[in-house]
Amino acid sequence: MRASEVGEYVFCHRAWWLRTVEGREPNNRDRLAAGARSHTRYGMRIAASRLLLGAGVVALAIALLALLLGS
């Protein structure tokens, strides 16, 4: 069982059962696909913000080191 299936089961065990056991698929596939794309974009923004935060910390460390060594 994948983590997404566990999440689906926790969110709505009836929907999980209908899809997994009964083999039924949701009628709103377009909306589900749009939601998946939205989550992907959000994840990319989070990754970029973490990268920028790390770059900021490095820049701050370099500035502090320059201040300490320049005195």
PDB file of N, CA and C in Angstrom:
ATOM      1  N   MET A   1       0.849  -1.176   0.000  1.00  0.00           N
ATOM      2  CA  MET A   1       0.000   0.000   0.000  1.00  0.00           C
ATOM      3  C   MET A   1       0.894   1.238   0.000  1.00  0.00           C
ATOM      4  N   ARG A   2       0.619   2.181  -0.916  1.00  0.00           N
ATOM      5  CA  ARG A   2       1.382   3.421  -1.012  1.00  0.00           C
ATOM      6  C   ARG A   2       0.885   4.413   0.033  1.00  0.00           C
ATOM      7  N   ALA A   3       1.735   5.402   0.314  1.00  0.00           N
ATOM      8  CA  ALA A   3       1.361   6.430   1.286  1.00  0.00           C
ATOM      9  C   ALA A   3       0.124   7.192   0.819  1.00  0.00           C
ATOM     10  N   SER A   4       0.010   7.418  -0.476  1.00  0.00           N
ATOM     11  CA  SER A   4      -1.170   8.131  -0.982  1.00  0.00           C
ATOM     12  C   SER A   4      -2.442   7.327  -0.736  1.00  0.00           C
ATOM     13  N   GLU A   5      -2.338   6.006  -0.801  1.00  0.00           N
ATOM     14  CA  GLU A   5      -3.507   5.166  -0.517  1.00  0.00           C
ATOM     15  C   GLU A   5      -3.894   5.251   0.950  1.00  0.00           C
ATOM     16  N   VAL A   6      -2.887   5.298   1.819  1.00  0.00           N
ATOM     17  CA  VAL A   6      -3.170   5.443   3.254  1.00  0.00           C
ATOM     18  C   VAL A   6      -3.879   6.763   3.493  1.00  0.00           C
ATOM     19  N   GLY A   7      -3.368   7.829   2.855  1.00  0.00           N
ATOM     20  CA  GLY A   7      -4.003   9.137   2.992  1.00  0.00           C
ATOM     21  C   GLY A   7      -5.423   9.130   2.475  1.00  0.00           C
ATOM     22  N   GLU A   8      -5.638   8.459   1.350  1.00  0.00           N
ATOM     23  CA  GLU A   8      -6.984   8.360   0.787  1.00  0.00           C
ATOM     24  C   GLU A   8      -7.900   7.597   1.738  1.00  0.00           C
ATOM     25  N   TYR A   9      -7.379   6.518   2.328  1.00  0.00           N
ATOM     26  CA  TYR A   9      -8.178   5.722   3.255  1.00  0.00           C
ATOM     27  C   TYR A   9      -8.544   6.534   4.495  1.00  0.00           C
ATOM     28  N   VAL A  10      -7.563   7.270   5.025  1.00  0.00           N
ATOM     29  CA  VAL A  10      -7.816   8.070   6.226  1.00  0.00           C
ATOM     30  C   VAL A  10      -8.838   9.164   5.916  1.00  0.00           C
ATOM     31  N   PHE A  11      -8.701   9.791   4.740  1.00  0.00           N
ATOM     32  CA  PHE A  11      -9.624  10.862   4.370  1.00  0.00           C
ATOM     33  C   PHE A  11     -11.038  10.329   4.168  1.00  0.00           C
ATOM     34  N   CYS A  12     -11.172   9.219   3.432  1.00  0.00           N
ATOM     35  CA  CYS A  12     -12.500   8.640   3.183  1.00  0.00           C
ATOM     36  C   CYS A  12     -12.336   7.154   2.860  1.00  0.00           C
ATOM     37  N   HIS A  13     -12.519   6.328   3.860  1.00  0.00           N
ATOM     38  CA  HIS A  13     -12.318   4.892   3.654  1.00  0.00           C
ATOM     39  C   HIS A  13     -13.312   4.308   2.645  1.00  0.00           C
ATOM     40  N   ARG A  14     -14.464   4.933   2.524  1.00  0.00           N
ATOM     41  CA  ARG A  14     -15.460   4.445   1.553  1.00  0.00           C
ATOM     42  C   ARG A  14     -14.972   4.679   0.112  1.00  0.00           C
ATOM     43  N   ALA A  15     -14.401   5.858  -0.139  1.00  0.00           N
ATOM     44  CA  ALA A  15     -13.867   6.153  -1.474  1.00  0.00           C
ATOM     45  C   ALA A  15     -12.706   5.207  -1.788  1.00  0.00           C
ATOM     46  N   TRP A  16     -11.861   4.941  -0.791  1.00  0.00           N
ATOM     47  CA  TRP A  16     -10.743   4.007  -0.997  1.00  0.00           C
ATOM     48  C   TRP A  16     -11.281   2.624  -1.356  1.00  0.00           C
ATOM     49  N   TRP A  17     -12.291   2.169  -0.643  1.00  0.00           N
ATOM     50  CA  TRP A  17     -12.863   0.845  -0.891  1.00  0.00           C
ATOM     51  C   TRP A  17     -13.481   0.778  -2.282  1.00  0.00           C
ATOM     52  N   LEU A  18     -14.232   1.808  -2.661  1.00  0.00           N
ATOM     53  CA  LEU A  18     -14.863   1.821  -3.979  1.00  0.00           C
ATOM     54  C   LEU A  18     -13.810   1.755  -5.093  1.00  0.00           C
ATOM     55  N   ARG A  19     -12.695   2.474  -4.919  1.00  0.00           N
ATOM     56  CA  ARG A  19     -11.670   2.485  -5.949  1.00  0.00           C
ATOM     57  C   ARG A  19     -10.859   1.202  -5.942  1.00  0.00           C
ATOM     58  N   THR A  20     -10.460   0.747  -4.769  1.00  0.00           N
ATOM     59  CA  THR A  20      -9.561  -0.395  -4.664  1.00  0.00           C
ATOM     60  C   THR A  20     -10.274  -1.732  -4.835  1.00  0.00           C
ATOM     61  N   VAL A  21     -11.378  -1.916  -4.167  1.00  0.00           N
ATOM     62  CA  VAL A  21     -12.078  -3.198  -4.181  1.00  0.00           C
ATOM     63  C   VAL A  21     -13.060  -3.283  -5.347  1.00  0.00           C
ATOM     64  N   GLU A  22     -13.860  -2.244  -5.525  1.00  0.00           N
ATOM     65  CA  GLU A  22     -14.883  -2.252  -6.561  1.00  0.00           C
ATOM     66  C   GLU A  22     -14.338  -1.873  -7.941  1.00  0.00           C
ATOM     67  N   GLY A  23     -13.163  -1.252  -7.971  1.00  0.00           N
ATOM     68  CA  GLY A  23     -12.575  -0.854  -9.249  1.00  0.00           C
ATOM     69  C   GLY A  23     -13.221   0.365  -9.879  1.00  0.00           C
ATOM     70  N   ARG A  24     -13.954   1.126  -9.111  1.00  0.00           N
ATOM     71  CA  ARG A  24     -14.609   2.333  -9.640  1.00  0.00           C
ATOM     72  C   ARG A  24     -13.619   3.495  -9.611  1.00  0.00           C
ATOM     73  N   GLU A  25     -13.785   4.378 -10.551  1.00  0.00           N
ATOM     74  CA  GLU A  25     -12.941   5.569 -10.634  1.00  0.00           C
ATOM     75  C   GLU A  25     -13.803   6.806 -10.404  1.00  0.00           C
ATOM     76  N   PRO A  26     -13.216   7.870  -9.868  1.00  0.00           N
ATOM     77  CA  PRO A  26     -13.993   9.089  -9.624  1.00  0.00           C
ATOM     78  C   PRO A  26     -14.424   9.753 -10.931  1.00  0.00           C
ATOM     79  N   ASN A  27     -15.525  10.469 -10.875  1.00  0.00           N
ATOM     80  CA  ASN A  27     -16.047  11.169 -12.043  1.00  0.00           C
ATOM     81  C   ASN A  27     -15.337  12.498 -12.292  1.00  0.00           C
ATOM     82  N   ASN A  28     -14.676  13.036 -11.293  1.00  0.00           N
ATOM     83  CA  ASN A  28     -14.062  14.361 -11.396  1.00  0.00           C
ATOM     84  C   ASN A  28     -12.544  14.268 -11.621  1.00  0.00           C
ATOM     85  N   ARG A  29     -12.140  13.494 -12.611  1.00  0.00           N
ATOM     86  CA  ARG A  29     -10.711  13.294 -12.876  1.00  0.00           C
ATOM     87  C   ARG A  29     -10.002  14.594 -13.218  1.00  0.00           C
ATOM     88  N   ASP A  30     -10.662  15.482 -13.973  1.00  0.00           N
ATOM     89  CA  ASP A  30     -10.032  16.755 -14.334  1.00  0.00           C
ATOM     90  C   ASP A  30      -9.709  17.574 -13.092  1.00  0.00           C
ATOM     91  N   ARG A  31     -10.643  17.608 -12.169  1.00  0.00           N
ATOM     92  CA  ARG A  31     -10.429  18.362 -10.932  1.00  0.00           C
ATOM     93  C   ARG A  31      -9.320  17.726 -10.091  1.00  0.00           C
ATOM     94  N   LEU A  32      -9.285  16.411 -10.047  1.00  0.00           N
ATOM     95  CA  LEU A  32      -8.228  15.722  -9.308  1.00  0.00           C
ATOM     96  C   LEU A  32      -6.863  15.991  -9.937  1.00  0.00           C
ATOM     97  N   ALA A  33      -6.795  15.975 -11.266  1.00  0.00           N
ATOM     98  CA  ALA A  33      -5.533  16.259 -11.964  1.00  0.00           C
ATOM     99  C   ALA A  33      -5.085  17.693 -11.709  1.00  0.00           C
ATOM    100  N   ALA A  34      -6.036  18.625 -11.700  1.00  0.00           N
ATOM    101  CA  ALA A  34      -5.703  20.020 -11.412  1.00  0.00           C
ATOM    102  C   ALA A  34      -5.178  20.160  -9.986  1.00  0.00           C
ATOM    103  N   GLY A  35      -5.754  19.436  -9.062  1.00  0.00           N
ATOM    104  CA  GLY A  35      -5.279  19.455  -7.676  1.00  0.00           C
ATOM    105  C   GLY A  35      -3.882  18.890  -7.556  1.00  0.00           C
ATOM    106  N   ALA A  36      -3.602  17.821  -8.290  1.00  0.00           N
ATOM    107  CA  ALA A  36      -2.260  17.230  -8.269  1.00  0.00           C
ATOM    108  C   ALA A  36      -1.233  18.210  -8.828  1.00  0.00           C
ATOM    109  N   ARG A  37      -1.598  18.915  -9.921  1.00  0.00           N
ATOM    110  CA  ARG A  37      -0.689  19.918 -10.491  1.00  0.00           C
ATOM    111  C   ARG A  37      -0.454  21.053  -9.502  1.00  0.00           C
ATOM    112  N   SER A  38      -1.504  21.458  -8.810  1.00  0.00           N
ATOM    113  CA  SER A  38      -1.385  22.522  -7.814  1.00  0.00           C
ATOM    114  C   SER A  38      -0.441  22.114  -6.689  1.00  0.00           C
ATOM    115  N   HIS A  39      -0.560  20.883  -6.238  1.00  0.00           N
ATOM    116  CA  HIS A  39       0.326  20.386  -5.179  1.00  0.00           C
ATOM    117  C   HIS A  39       1.768  20.313  -5.658  1.00  0.00           C
ATOM    118  N   THR A  40       1.976  19.940  -6.913  1.00  0.00           N
ATOM    119  CA  THR A  40       3.328  19.891  -7.473  1.00  0.00           C
ATOM    120  C   THR A  40       3.938  21.287  -7.498  1.00  0.00           C
ATOM    121  N   ARG A  41       3.181  22.272  -7.978  1.00  0.00           N
ATOM    122  CA  ARG A  41       3.678  23.653  -8.008  1.00  0.00           C
ATOM    123  C   ARG A  41       3.982  24.146  -6.603  1.00  0.00           C
ATOM    124  N   TYR A  42       3.116  23.836  -5.654  1.00  0.00           N
ATOM    125  CA  TYR A  42       3.337  24.244  -4.264  1.00  0.00           C
ATOM    126  C   TYR A  42       4.623  23.625  -3.725  1.00  0.00           C
ATOM    127  N   GLY A  43       4.832  22.352  -3.998  1.00  0.00           N
ATOM    128  CA  GLY A  43       6.051  21.691  -3.548  1.00  0.00           C
ATOM    129  C   GLY A  43       7.294  22.323  -4.147  1.00  0.00           C
ATOM    130  N   MET A  44       7.211  22.742  -5.402  1.00  0.00           N
ATOM    131  CA  MET A  44       8.349  23.405  -6.040  1.00  0.00           C
ATOM    132  C   MET A  44       8.626  24.761  -5.388  1.00  0.00           C
ATOM    133  N   ARG A  45       7.573  25.479  -5.022  1.00  0.00           N
ATOM    134  CA  ARG A  45       7.758  26.764  -4.339  1.00  0.00           C
ATOM    135  C   ARG A  45       8.382  26.570  -2.958  1.00  0.00           C
ATOM    136  N   ILE A  46       7.969  25.534  -2.254  1.00  0.00           N
ATOM    137  CA  ILE A  46       8.555  25.249  -0.938  1.00  0.00           C
ATOM    138  C   ILE A  46      10.038  24.923  -1.082  1.00  0.00           C
ATOM    139  N   ALA A  47      10.391  24.101  -2.075  1.00  0.00           N
ATOM    140  CA  ALA A  47      11.793  23.747  -2.305  1.00  0.00           C
ATOM    141  C   ALA A  47      12.607  24.992  -2.638  1.00  0.00           C
ATOM    142  N   ALA A  48      12.064  25.873  -3.468  1.00  0.00           N
ATOM    143  CA  ALA A  48      12.773  27.105  -3.822  1.00  0.00           C
ATOM    144  C   ALA A  48      12.957  27.996  -2.603  1.00  0.00           C
ATOM    145  N   SER A  49      11.950  28.087  -1.752  1.00  0.00           N
ATOM    146  CA  SER A  49      12.073  28.931  -0.562  1.00  0.00           C
ATOM    147  C   SER A  49      13.119  28.383   0.400  1.00  0.00           C
ATOM    148  N   ARG A  50      13.212  27.066   0.501  1.00  0.00           N
ATOM    149  CA  ARG A  50      14.247  26.473   1.359  1.00  0.00           C
ATOM    150  C   ARG A  50      15.636  26.747   0.807  1.00  0.00           C
ATOM    151  N   LEU A  51      15.770  26.681  -0.508  1.00  0.00           N
ATOM    152  CA  LEU A  51      17.044  26.978  -1.150  1.00  0.00           C
ATOM    153  C   LEU A  51      17.429  28.439  -0.909  1.00  0.00           C
ATOM    154  N   LEU A  52      16.489  29.356  -1.068  1.00  0.00           N
ATOM    155  CA  LEU A  52      16.763  30.770  -0.832  1.00  0.00           C
ATOM    156  C   LEU A  52      17.072  31.046   0.634  1.00  0.00           C
ATOM    157  N   LEU A  53      16.404  30.369   1.535  1.00  0.00           N
ATOM    158  CA  LEU A  53      16.695  30.527   2.952  1.00  0.00           C
ATOM    159  C   LEU A  53      18.121  30.077   3.251  1.00  0.00           C
ATOM    160  N   GLY A  54      18.520  28.943   2.702  1.00  0.00           N
ATOM    161  CA  GLY A  54      19.893  28.454   2.896  1.00  0.00           C
ATOM    162  C   GLY A  54      20.911  29.425   2.329  1.00  0.00           C
ATOM    163  N   ALA A  55      20.641  29.988   1.153  1.00  0.00           N
ATOM    164  CA  ALA A  55      21.557  30.969   0.559  1.00  0.00           C
ATOM    165  C   ALA A  55      21.645  32.213   1.434  1.00  0.00           C
ATOM    166  N   GLY A  56      20.538  32.621   2.011  1.00  0.00           N
ATOM    167  CA  GLY A  56      20.539  33.778   2.902  1.00  0.00           C
ATOM    168  C   GLY A  56      21.367  33.534   4.161  1.00  0.00           C
ATOM    169  N   VAL A  57      21.262  32.342   4.706  1.00  0.00           N
ATOM    170  CA  VAL A  57      22.039  31.998   5.906  1.00  0.00           C
ATOM    171  C   VAL A  57      23.532  32.004   5.577  1.00  0.00           C
ATOM    172  N   VAL A  58      23.890  31.454   4.423  1.00  0.00           N
ATOM    173  CA  VAL A  58      25.292  31.445   4.006  1.00  0.00           C
ATOM    174  C   VAL A  58      25.783  32.880   3.804  1.00  0.00           C
ATOM    175  N   ALA A  59      24.980  33.719   3.152  1.00  0.00           N
ATOM    176  CA  ALA A  59      25.370  35.118   2.937  1.00  0.00           C
ATOM    177  C   ALA A  59      25.537  35.852   4.261  1.00  0.00           C
ATOM    178  N   LEU A  60      24.650  35.605   5.200  1.00  0.00           N
ATOM    179  CA  LEU A  60      24.763  36.219   6.518  1.00  0.00           C
ATOM    180  C   LEU A  60      26.035  35.762   7.226  1.00  0.00           C
ATOM    181  N   ALA A  61      26.338  34.481   7.155  1.00  0.00           N
ATOM    182  CA  ALA A  61      27.545  33.958   7.790  1.00  0.00           C
ATOM    183  C   ALA A  61      28.793  34.597   7.174  1.00  0.00           C
ATOM    184  N   ILE A  62      28.817  34.752   5.863  1.00  0.00           N
ATOM    185  CA  ILE A  62      29.958  35.373   5.200  1.00  0.00           C
ATOM    186  C   ILE A  62      30.083  36.839   5.611  1.00  0.00           C
ATOM    187  N   ALA A  63      28.964  37.548   5.704  1.00  0.00           N
ATOM    188  CA  ALA A  63      29.000  38.947   6.109  1.00  0.00           C
ATOM    189  C   ALA A  63      29.504  39.079   7.537  1.00  0.00           C
ATOM    190  N   LEU A  64      29.036  38.228   8.430  1.00  0.00           N
ATOM    191  CA  LEU A  64      29.501  38.282   9.823  1.00  0.00           C
ATOM    192  C   LEU A  64      30.982  37.954   9.926  1.00  0.00           C
ATOM    193  N   LEU A  65      31.420  36.978   9.170  1.00  0.00           N
ATOM    194  CA  LEU A  65      32.841  36.615   9.160  1.00  0.00           C
ATOM    195  C   LEU A  65      33.683  37.772   8.637  1.00  0.00           C
ATOM    196  N   ALA A  66      33.204  38.429   7.588  1.00  0.00           N
ATOM    197  CA  ALA A  66      33.926  39.591   7.047  1.00  0.00           C
ATOM    198  C   ALA A  66      34.002  40.715   8.052  1.00  0.00           C
ATOM    199  N   LEU A  67      32.939  40.935   8.807  1.00  0.00           N
ATOM    200  CA  LEU A  67      32.935  41.967   9.840  1.00  0.00           C
ATOM    201  C   LEU A  67      33.929  41.650  10.956  1.00  0.00           C
ATOM    202  N   LEU A  68      33.936  40.394  11.366  1.00  0.00           N
ATOM    203  CA  LEU A  68      34.837  39.988  12.451  1.00  0.00           C
ATOM    204  C   LEU A  68      36.305  40.039  12.023  1.00  0.00           C
ATOM    205  N   LEU A  69      36.600  39.611  10.817  1.00  0.00           N
ATOM    206  CA  LEU A  69      37.982  39.600  10.344  1.00  0.00           C
ATOM    207  C   LEU A  69      38.447  40.973   9.891  1.00  0.00           C
ATOM    208  N   GLY A  70      37.524  41.846   9.519  1.00  0.00           N
ATOM    209  CA  GLY A  70      37.883  43.170   9.044  1.00  0.00           C
ATOM    210  C   GLY A  70      38.181  44.146  10.170  1.00  0.00           C
ATOM    211  N   SER A  71      37.796  43.812  11.375  1.00  0.00           N
ATOM    212  CA  SER A  71      37.982  44.737  12.506  1.00  0.00           C
ATOM    213  C   SER A  71      39.398  44.785  12.997  1.00  0.00           C
TER     214      SER A  71
END
